[in-house]
Amino acid sequence: MNAEIDWKILVGQIINFAILFFVLKYFLYKPFLGLLEKRRKKIEEGIKMSNEAEENLKKVSEVKRKMEFKNEEDRKAILIKAEQDAKKRLEEAMKAAEADRAGLLAKAEKEAADLKEKEKENTKKAIVDNAFNLVEKLVKENMDDAKNKKISEEFLNKMKI
């Protein structure tokens, strides 16, 4: 075995290796690095979009929570206002009913007073008529005391009825 190095073969192999290195670097390594760079950018964009989506989701959740809280407050306000309106209407109805009751009571009292007055007038008229009848009977019949007493008692009996 010869331990001698053939310089021509060594230089040829170095040149072949260099050519192979540049060809592989240009046709394989650079496209592979470009592909890796594109993939890295896509992943970064995906992560960025995921983060943005997560932030948007948090914002939407916060807006939803605020809207639910606002809706709850609005519902409570509406219920309170409806309750106040109902109380107000009830008070108005009670006042109107009280006014109607007072009006009806006053009307009934007036009618009762008018009826009482009419009855007084009728009674007075009946008393006067009976008195005239009594006087007429007394005058027509030349009366004696017994007859006069009898007619007076009949008159008083009529008055009691």
N, C-alpha and C. Protein backbone atom coordinates (compact mmCIF):
# COMPACT_ATOMS: atom_id res chain seq x y z
N MET A 1 0.81 -1.15 0.00
CA MET A 1 0.00 0.00 0.00
C MET A 1 0.86 1.22 0.00
N ASN A 2 0.39 1.90 -0.79
CA ASN A 2 1.08 3.17 -1.00
C ASN A 2 0.43 4.24 -0.15
N ALA A 3 1.16 4.95 0.55
CA ALA A 3 0.60 5.99 1.39
C ALA A 3 0.77 7.34 0.74
N GLU A 4 0.90 7.35 -0.43
CA GLU A 4 1.07 8.64 -1.10
C GLU A 4 -0.27 9.23 -1.45
N ILE A 5 -0.35 10.54 -1.40
CA ILE A 5 -1.58 11.24 -1.71
C ILE A 5 -1.45 11.75 -3.12
N ASP A 6 -2.46 11.47 -3.89
CA ASP A 6 -2.48 11.98 -5.26
C ASP A 6 -3.19 13.31 -5.21
N TRP A 7 -2.40 14.33 -5.48
CA TRP A 7 -2.90 15.71 -5.35
C TRP A 7 -3.93 16.02 -6.41
N LYS A 8 -3.87 15.49 -7.51
CA LYS A 8 -4.81 15.76 -8.57
C LYS A 8 -6.19 15.22 -8.20
N ILE A 9 -6.19 14.02 -7.68
CA ILE A 9 -7.45 13.41 -7.28
C ILE A 9 -8.04 14.20 -6.10
N LEU A 10 -7.16 14.59 -5.17
CA LEU A 10 -7.62 15.32 -4.00
C LEU A 10 -8.23 16.67 -4.42
N VAL A 11 -7.58 17.39 -5.32
CA VAL A 11 -8.10 18.67 -5.79
C VAL A 11 -9.39 18.42 -6.57
N GLY A 12 -9.45 17.40 -7.36
CA GLY A 12 -10.67 17.07 -8.11
C GLY A 12 -11.82 16.75 -7.17
N GLN A 13 -11.54 16.02 -6.12
CA GLN A 13 -12.58 15.70 -5.16
C GLN A 13 -13.03 16.94 -4.39
N ILE A 14 -12.07 17.81 -4.05
CA ILE A 14 -12.43 19.07 -3.37
C ILE A 14 -13.30 19.90 -4.29
N ILE A 15 -12.94 19.98 -5.59
CA ILE A 15 -13.74 20.75 -6.55
C ILE A 15 -15.11 20.10 -6.69
N ASN A 16 -15.16 18.76 -6.81
CA ASN A 16 -16.45 18.06 -6.91
C ASN A 16 -17.29 18.30 -5.64
N PHE A 17 -16.62 18.26 -4.49
CA PHE A 17 -17.35 18.51 -3.23
C PHE A 17 -17.88 19.94 -3.19
N ALA A 18 -17.05 20.89 -3.64
CA ALA A 18 -17.47 22.30 -3.63
C ALA A 18 -18.63 22.49 -4.59
N ILE A 19 -18.55 21.90 -5.78
CA ILE A 19 -19.63 22.01 -6.76
C ILE A 19 -20.90 21.38 -6.18
N LEU A 20 -20.73 20.17 -5.61
CA LEU A 20 -21.88 19.50 -5.00
C LEU A 20 -22.45 20.35 -3.86
N PHE A 21 -21.55 20.94 -3.06
CA PHE A 21 -22.00 21.79 -1.94
C PHE A 21 -22.79 22.99 -2.44
N PHE A 22 -22.28 23.70 -3.45
CA PHE A 22 -22.98 24.88 -3.99
C PHE A 22 -24.27 24.50 -4.69
N VAL A 23 -24.26 23.37 -5.42
CA VAL A 23 -25.48 22.91 -6.10
C VAL A 23 -26.53 22.52 -5.06
N LEU A 24 -26.12 21.77 -4.06
CA LEU A 24 -27.07 21.38 -3.00
C LEU A 24 -27.57 22.61 -2.24
N LYS A 25 -26.60 23.53 -1.96
CA LYS A 25 -26.98 24.73 -1.24
C LYS A 25 -27.97 25.55 -2.07
N TYR A 26 -27.72 25.70 -3.34
CA TYR A 26 -28.57 26.54 -4.19
C TYR A 26 -29.91 25.86 -4.49
N PHE A 27 -29.89 24.59 -4.86
CA PHE A 27 -31.12 23.92 -5.29
C PHE A 27 -31.88 23.23 -4.14
N LEU A 28 -31.22 22.88 -3.07
CA LEU A 28 -31.89 22.14 -2.03
C LEU A 28 -31.98 22.94 -0.71
N TYR A 29 -30.85 23.46 -0.25
CA TYR A 29 -30.81 24.10 1.05
C TYR A 29 -31.59 25.42 1.05
N LYS A 30 -31.36 26.29 0.03
CA LYS A 30 -32.09 27.57 -0.02
C LYS A 30 -33.60 27.39 -0.19
N PRO A 31 -34.08 26.51 -1.09
CA PRO A 31 -35.53 26.30 -1.16
C PRO A 31 -36.08 25.71 0.14
N PHE A 32 -35.27 24.80 0.74
CA PHE A 32 -35.71 24.23 2.01
C PHE A 32 -35.79 25.30 3.09
N LEU A 33 -34.80 26.19 3.15
CA LEU A 33 -34.84 27.30 4.11
C LEU A 33 -36.00 28.24 3.80
N GLY A 34 -36.22 28.49 2.48
CA GLY A 34 -37.38 29.33 2.10
C GLY A 34 -38.69 28.69 2.52
N LEU A 35 -38.79 27.39 2.32
CA LEU A 35 -39.98 26.66 2.73
C LEU A 35 -40.15 26.72 4.25
N LEU A 36 -39.05 26.53 4.98
CA LEU A 36 -39.11 26.63 6.44
C LEU A 36 -39.50 28.04 6.87
N GLU A 37 -38.94 29.06 6.18
CA GLU A 37 -39.28 30.45 6.51
C GLU A 37 -40.77 30.73 6.24
N LYS A 38 -41.29 30.24 5.11
CA LYS A 38 -42.73 30.40 4.82
C LYS A 38 -43.56 29.71 5.90
N ARG A 39 -43.15 28.52 6.27
CA ARG A 39 -43.88 27.76 7.29
C ARG A 39 -43.84 28.50 8.63
N ARG A 40 -42.65 29.06 8.97
CA ARG A 40 -42.50 29.81 10.21
C ARG A 40 -43.41 31.04 10.19
N LYS A 41 -43.48 31.73 9.05
CA LYS A 41 -44.35 32.91 8.93
C LYS A 41 -45.82 32.52 9.06
N LYS A 42 -46.19 31.42 8.43
CA LYS A 42 -47.58 30.94 8.55
C LYS A 42 -47.91 30.62 10.00
N ILE A 43 -46.98 29.96 10.67
CA ILE A 43 -47.21 29.61 12.07
C ILE A 43 -47.31 30.88 12.91
N GLU A 44 -46.40 31.85 12.65
CA GLU A 44 -46.46 33.12 13.38
C GLU A 44 -47.79 33.84 13.12
N GLU A 45 -48.22 33.83 11.84
CA GLU A 45 -49.51 34.46 11.51
C GLU A 45 -50.66 33.73 12.21
N GLY A 46 -50.59 32.41 12.23
CA GLY A 46 -51.61 31.63 12.92
C GLY A 46 -51.65 31.95 14.41
N ILE A 47 -50.46 32.04 15.02
CA ILE A 47 -50.39 32.38 16.45
C ILE A 47 -50.92 33.79 16.66
N LYS A 48 -50.52 34.71 15.78
CA LYS A 48 -50.99 36.09 15.89
C LYS A 48 -52.51 36.15 15.75
N MET A 49 -53.04 35.45 14.74
CA MET A 49 -54.48 35.43 14.54
C MET A 49 -55.18 34.76 15.74
N SER A 50 -54.57 33.71 16.27
CA SER A 50 -55.14 33.03 17.43
C SER A 50 -55.18 33.98 18.63
N ASN A 51 -54.09 34.73 18.83
CA ASN A 51 -54.05 35.71 19.92
C ASN A 51 -55.09 36.80 19.71
N GLU A 52 -55.20 37.28 18.45
CA GLU A 52 -56.21 38.31 18.15
C GLU A 52 -57.62 37.76 18.38
N ALA A 53 -57.83 36.52 17.94
CA ALA A 53 -59.14 35.90 18.13
C ALA A 53 -59.43 35.74 19.62
N GLU A 54 -58.41 35.37 20.38
CA GLU A 54 -58.60 35.21 21.82
C GLU A 54 -58.92 36.57 22.46
N GLU A 55 -58.19 37.62 22.04
CA GLU A 55 -58.48 38.96 22.55
C GLU A 55 -59.89 39.40 22.16
N ASN A 56 -60.25 39.15 20.89
CA ASN A 56 -61.60 39.50 20.44
C ASN A 56 -62.66 38.73 21.23
N LEU A 57 -62.38 37.47 21.49
CA LEU A 57 -63.30 36.66 22.28
C LEU A 57 -63.45 37.22 23.69
N LYS A 58 -62.31 37.65 24.28
CA LYS A 58 -62.36 38.26 25.60
C LYS A 58 -63.18 39.56 25.55
N LYS A 59 -62.97 40.36 24.50
CA LYS A 59 -63.72 41.61 24.36
C LYS A 59 -65.21 41.32 24.20
N VAL A 60 -65.52 40.33 23.36
CA VAL A 60 -66.92 39.97 23.14
C VAL A 60 -67.53 39.45 24.44
N SER A 61 -66.78 38.64 25.16
CA SER A 61 -67.28 38.13 26.44
C SER A 61 -67.52 39.27 27.42
N GLU A 62 -66.60 40.23 27.45
CA GLU A 62 -66.76 41.38 28.34
C GLU A 62 -67.97 42.22 27.92
N VAL A 63 -68.11 42.45 26.62
CA VAL A 63 -69.28 43.21 26.12
C VAL A 63 -70.56 42.46 26.44
N LYS A 64 -70.54 41.14 26.25
CA LYS A 64 -71.72 40.32 26.55
C LYS A 64 -72.06 40.41 28.03
N ARG A 65 -71.04 40.32 28.89
CA ARG A 65 -71.27 40.41 30.33
C ARG A 65 -71.83 41.79 30.69
N LYS A 66 -71.26 42.83 30.10
CA LYS A 66 -71.77 44.18 30.36
C LYS A 66 -73.20 44.33 29.88
N MET A 67 -73.48 43.77 28.69
CA MET A 67 -74.84 43.86 28.14
C MET A 67 -75.82 43.08 29.03
N GLU A 68 -75.39 41.91 29.51
CA GLU A 68 -76.26 41.14 30.39
C GLU A 68 -76.52 41.92 31.68
N PHE A 69 -75.47 42.54 32.22
CA PHE A 69 -75.61 43.35 33.43
C PHE A 69 -76.52 44.54 33.15
N LYS A 70 -76.31 45.18 32.00
CA LYS A 70 -77.13 46.34 31.63
C LYS A 70 -78.58 45.89 31.41
N ASN A 71 -78.76 44.74 30.73
CA ASN A 71 -80.11 44.22 30.51
C ASN A 71 -80.79 43.90 31.84
N GLU A 72 -80.02 43.35 32.77
CA GLU A 72 -80.59 43.04 34.09
C GLU A 72 -81.00 44.33 34.79
N GLU A 73 -80.13 45.35 34.71
CA GLU A 73 -80.47 46.64 35.31
C GLU A 73 -81.70 47.24 34.63
N ASP A 74 -81.74 47.14 33.29
CA ASP A 74 -82.90 47.66 32.55
C ASP A 74 -84.17 46.92 32.96
N ARG A 75 -84.08 45.60 33.09
CA ARG A 75 -85.25 44.83 33.50
C ARG A 75 -85.71 45.25 34.89
N LYS A 76 -84.75 45.43 35.80
CA LYS A 76 -85.11 45.85 37.15
C LYS A 76 -85.75 47.23 37.11
N ALA A 77 -85.17 48.13 36.31
CA ALA A 77 -85.73 49.49 36.22
C ALA A 77 -87.14 49.45 35.64
N ILE A 78 -87.34 48.61 34.63
CA ILE A 78 -88.67 48.49 34.01
C ILE A 78 -89.66 47.92 35.03
N LEU A 79 -89.25 46.91 35.77
CA LEU A 79 -90.13 46.32 36.78
C LEU A 79 -90.48 47.34 37.87
N ILE A 80 -89.47 48.10 38.31
CA ILE A 80 -89.72 49.12 39.34
C ILE A 80 -90.68 50.17 38.80
N LYS A 81 -90.45 50.61 37.56
CA LYS A 81 -91.32 51.63 36.97
C LYS A 81 -92.74 51.09 36.80
N ALA A 82 -92.86 49.84 36.36
CA ALA A 82 -94.20 49.24 36.21
C ALA A 82 -94.90 49.14 37.56
N GLU A 83 -94.14 48.78 38.59
CA GLU A 83 -94.72 48.69 39.93
C GLU A 83 -95.18 50.06 40.41
N GLN A 84 -94.36 51.08 40.16
CA GLN A 84 -94.73 52.44 40.56
C GLN A 84 -95.97 52.91 39.79
N ASP A 85 -96.00 52.61 38.49
CA ASP A 85 -97.17 52.98 37.68
C ASP A 85 -98.43 52.29 38.20
N ALA A 86 -98.29 51.01 38.55
CA ALA A 86 -99.45 50.26 39.05
C ALA A 86 -99.93 50.86 40.37
N LYS A 87 -98.99 51.23 41.26
CA LYS A 87 -99.38 51.84 42.53
C LYS A 87 -100.07 53.18 42.28
N LYS A 88 -99.53 53.94 41.34
CA LYS A 88 -100.11 55.24 41.03
C LYS A 88 -101.53 55.07 40.49
N ARG A 89 -101.70 54.12 39.57
CA ARG A 89 -103.04 53.86 39.01
C ARG A 89 -103.99 53.38 40.10
N LEU A 90 -103.51 52.54 41.00
CA LEU A 90 -104.34 52.05 42.10
C LEU A 90 -104.76 53.22 42.99
N GLU A 91 -103.83 54.11 43.31
CA GLU A 91 -104.16 55.27 44.13
C GLU A 91 -105.20 56.15 43.42
N GLU A 92 -105.00 56.35 42.12
CA GLU A 92 -105.96 57.16 41.37
C GLU A 92 -107.34 56.50 41.36
N ALA A 93 -107.36 55.19 41.18
CA ALA A 93 -108.64 54.47 41.18
C ALA A 93 -109.29 54.55 42.56
N MET A 94 -108.47 54.45 43.61
CA MET A 94 -109.02 54.55 44.96
C MET A 94 -109.59 55.95 45.20
N LYS A 95 -108.87 56.97 44.74
CA LYS A 95 -109.37 58.34 44.90
C LYS A 95 -110.67 58.53 44.14
N ALA A 96 -110.72 58.00 42.90
CA ALA A 96 -111.93 58.12 42.09
C ALA A 96 -113.09 57.38 42.76
N ALA A 97 -112.82 56.19 43.29
CA ALA A 97 -113.87 55.41 43.97
C ALA A 97 -114.34 56.15 45.22
N GLU A 98 -113.40 56.74 45.94
CA GLU A 98 -113.76 57.50 47.15
C GLU A 98 -114.63 58.71 46.77
N ALA A 99 -114.24 59.39 45.68
CA ALA A 99 -115.03 60.54 45.22
C ALA A 99 -116.42 60.09 44.80
N ASP A 100 -116.51 58.96 44.08
CA ASP A 100 -117.81 58.43 43.66
C ASP A 100 -118.65 58.06 44.88
N ARG A 101 -118.00 57.41 45.86
CA ARG A 101 -118.70 57.01 47.07
C ARG A 101 -119.23 58.24 47.81
N ALA A 102 -118.38 59.26 47.91
CA ALA A 102 -118.80 60.49 48.60
C ALA A 102 -119.96 61.15 47.85
N GLY A 103 -119.87 61.15 46.52
CA GLY A 103 -120.95 61.72 45.71
C GLY A 103 -122.25 60.96 45.89
N LEU A 104 -122.17 59.62 45.87
CA LEU A 104 -123.36 58.79 46.05
C LEU A 104 -123.94 58.97 47.45
N LEU A 105 -123.06 59.07 48.44
CA LEU A 105 -123.51 59.26 49.81
C LEU A 105 -124.22 60.61 49.96
N ALA A 106 -123.63 61.65 49.37
CA ALA A 106 -124.25 62.97 49.43
C ALA A 106 -125.60 62.96 48.71
N LYS A 107 -125.66 62.29 47.57
CA LYS A 107 -126.91 62.21 46.82
C LYS A 107 -127.98 61.47 47.63
N ALA A 108 -127.57 60.36 48.27
CA ALA A 108 -128.52 59.58 49.08
C ALA A 108 -129.00 60.41 50.27
N GLU A 109 -128.07 61.14 50.91
CA GLU A 109 -128.47 61.98 52.03
C GLU A 109 -129.45 63.06 51.58
N LYS A 110 -129.18 63.65 50.42
CA LYS A 110 -130.06 64.69 49.90
C LYS A 110 -131.44 64.11 49.59
N GLU A 111 -131.45 62.93 48.96
CA GLU A 111 -132.72 62.29 48.66
C GLU A 111 -133.48 61.95 49.94
N ALA A 112 -132.75 61.47 50.97
CA ALA A 112 -133.40 61.14 52.24
C ALA A 112 -133.96 62.42 52.89
N ALA A 113 -133.20 63.51 52.83
CA ALA A 113 -133.68 64.78 53.39
C ALA A 113 -134.90 65.28 52.62
N ASP A 114 -134.85 65.14 51.29
CA ASP A 114 -136.00 65.57 50.48
C ASP A 114 -137.22 64.72 50.81
N LEU A 115 -137.02 63.41 50.95
CA LEU A 115 -138.13 62.51 51.28
C LEU A 115 -138.69 62.85 52.66
N LYS A 116 -137.80 63.11 53.61
CA LYS A 116 -138.22 63.48 54.96
C LYS A 116 -139.03 64.78 54.91
N GLU A 117 -138.54 65.73 54.13
CA GLU A 117 -139.25 67.01 54.00
C GLU A 117 -140.62 66.81 53.36
N LYS A 118 -140.66 65.93 52.33
CA LYS A 118 -141.95 65.64 51.68
C LYS A 118 -142.92 65.02 52.67
N GLU A 119 -142.40 64.07 53.46
CA GLU A 119 -143.25 63.41 54.44
C GLU A 119 -143.75 64.41 55.49
N LYS A 120 -142.87 65.33 55.89
CA LYS A 120 -143.30 66.37 56.83
C LYS A 120 -144.43 67.19 56.23
N GLU A 121 -144.23 67.56 54.97
CA GLU A 121 -145.27 68.36 54.28
C GLU A 121 -146.58 67.57 54.19
N ASN A 122 -146.46 66.29 53.82
CA ASN A 122 -147.67 65.44 53.72
C ASN A 122 -148.34 65.31 55.08
N THR A 123 -147.51 65.13 56.12
CA THR A 123 -148.06 65.02 57.47
C THR A 123 -148.76 66.32 57.87
N LYS A 124 -148.12 67.45 57.62
CA LYS A 124 -148.73 68.74 57.94
C LYS A 124 -150.05 68.90 57.19
N LYS A 125 -149.99 68.53 55.91
CA LYS A 125 -151.21 68.65 55.09
C LYS A 125 -152.31 67.76 55.66
N ALA A 126 -151.93 66.51 56.03
CA ALA A 126 -152.91 65.58 56.58
C ALA A 126 -153.47 66.12 57.89
N ILE A 127 -152.61 66.70 58.74
CA ILE A 127 -153.06 67.27 60.01
C ILE A 127 -154.03 68.42 59.76
N VAL A 128 -153.65 69.28 58.83
CA VAL A 128 -154.52 70.42 58.51
C VAL A 128 -155.85 69.93 57.95
N ASP A 129 -155.77 68.95 57.02
CA ASP A 129 -157.01 68.41 56.44
C ASP A 129 -157.88 67.79 57.53
N ASN A 130 -157.25 67.00 58.40
CA ASN A 130 -158.02 66.38 59.49
C ASN A 130 -158.61 67.43 60.43
N ALA A 131 -157.82 68.45 60.69
CA ALA A 131 -158.33 69.52 61.57
C ALA A 131 -159.53 70.20 60.93
N PHE A 132 -159.43 70.48 59.63
CA PHE A 132 -160.58 71.09 58.95
C PHE A 132 -161.78 70.15 58.97
N ASN A 133 -161.53 68.87 58.74
CA ASN A 133 -162.63 67.90 58.79
C ASN A 133 -163.27 67.88 60.17
N LEU A 134 -162.45 67.94 61.19
CA LEU A 134 -162.95 67.94 62.55
C LEU A 134 -163.80 69.18 62.81
N VAL A 135 -163.23 70.29 62.41
CA VAL A 135 -163.97 71.54 62.64
C VAL A 135 -165.27 71.51 61.84
N GLU A 136 -165.20 71.01 60.61
CA GLU A 136 -166.40 70.95 59.76
C GLU A 136 -167.45 70.06 60.40
N LYS A 137 -167.03 68.90 60.92
CA LYS A 137 -167.98 67.99 61.56
C LYS A 137 -168.57 68.64 62.81
N LEU A 138 -167.70 69.30 63.56
CA LEU A 138 -168.17 69.94 64.79
C LEU A 138 -169.19 71.04 64.47
N VAL A 139 -168.93 71.75 63.44
CA VAL A 139 -169.82 72.85 63.09
C VAL A 139 -171.11 72.30 62.50
N LYS A 140 -171.06 71.27 61.67
CA LYS A 140 -172.24 70.73 61.02
C LYS A 140 -173.19 70.14 62.04
N GLU A 141 -172.76 69.49 62.98
CA GLU A 141 -173.63 68.80 63.91
C GLU A 141 -173.70 69.63 65.18
N ASN A 142 -174.48 70.30 65.42
CA ASN A 142 -174.56 71.07 66.67
C ASN A 142 -174.20 70.10 67.77
N MET A 143 -173.10 70.12 68.09
CA MET A 143 -172.58 69.07 68.93
C MET A 143 -172.77 69.34 70.40
N ASP A 144 -172.87 68.23 70.99
CA ASP A 144 -172.84 68.30 72.43
C ASP A 144 -171.46 67.82 72.87
N ASP A 145 -171.19 67.84 74.13
CA ASP A 145 -169.85 67.53 74.63
C ASP A 145 -169.49 66.08 74.38
N ALA A 146 -170.39 65.16 74.49
CA ALA A 146 -170.10 63.75 74.31
C ALA A 146 -169.73 63.49 72.86
N LYS A 147 -170.49 64.07 71.94
CA LYS A 147 -170.19 63.90 70.53
C LYS A 147 -168.86 64.56 70.21
N ASN A 148 -168.62 65.70 70.75
CA ASN A 148 -167.39 66.45 70.51
C ASN A 148 -166.21 65.63 71.00
N LYS A 149 -166.36 65.02 72.18
CA LYS A 149 -165.31 64.20 72.74
C LYS A 149 -165.04 62.99 71.84
N LYS A 150 -166.10 62.35 71.33
CA LYS A 150 -165.99 61.18 70.47
C LYS A 150 -165.26 61.55 69.17
N ILE A 151 -165.61 62.65 68.58
CA ILE A 151 -164.99 63.09 67.32
C ILE A 151 -163.53 63.43 67.57
N SER A 152 -163.23 64.05 68.69
CA SER A 152 -161.84 64.39 69.02
C SER A 152 -161.02 63.14 69.20
N GLU A 153 -161.58 62.10 69.85
CA GLU A 153 -160.86 60.85 70.03
C GLU A 153 -160.62 60.17 68.70
N GLU A 154 -161.61 60.18 67.81
CA GLU A 154 -161.42 59.61 66.47
C GLU A 154 -160.31 60.34 65.72
N PHE A 155 -160.26 61.63 65.89
CA PHE A 155 -159.23 62.42 65.23
C PHE A 155 -157.85 62.06 65.77
N LEU A 156 -157.74 61.93 67.08
CA LEU A 156 -156.46 61.56 67.69
C LEU A 156 -156.05 60.16 67.29
N ASN A 157 -157.03 59.25 67.18
CA ASN A 157 -156.72 57.89 66.74
C ASN A 157 -156.17 57.89 65.30
N LYS A 158 -156.77 58.71 64.47
CA LYS A 158 -156.29 58.83 63.08
C LYS A 158 -154.87 59.38 63.07
N MET A 159 -154.58 60.29 63.97
CA MET A 159 -153.27 60.91 64.01
C MET A 159 -152.20 59.92 64.45
N LYS A 160 -152.55 58.98 65.31
CA LYS A 160 -151.60 57.97 65.79
C LYS A 160 -151.22 57.00 64.66
N ILE A 161 -152.13 56.76 63.76
CA ILE A 161 -151.88 55.82 62.67
C ILE A 161 -150.89 56.45 61.76
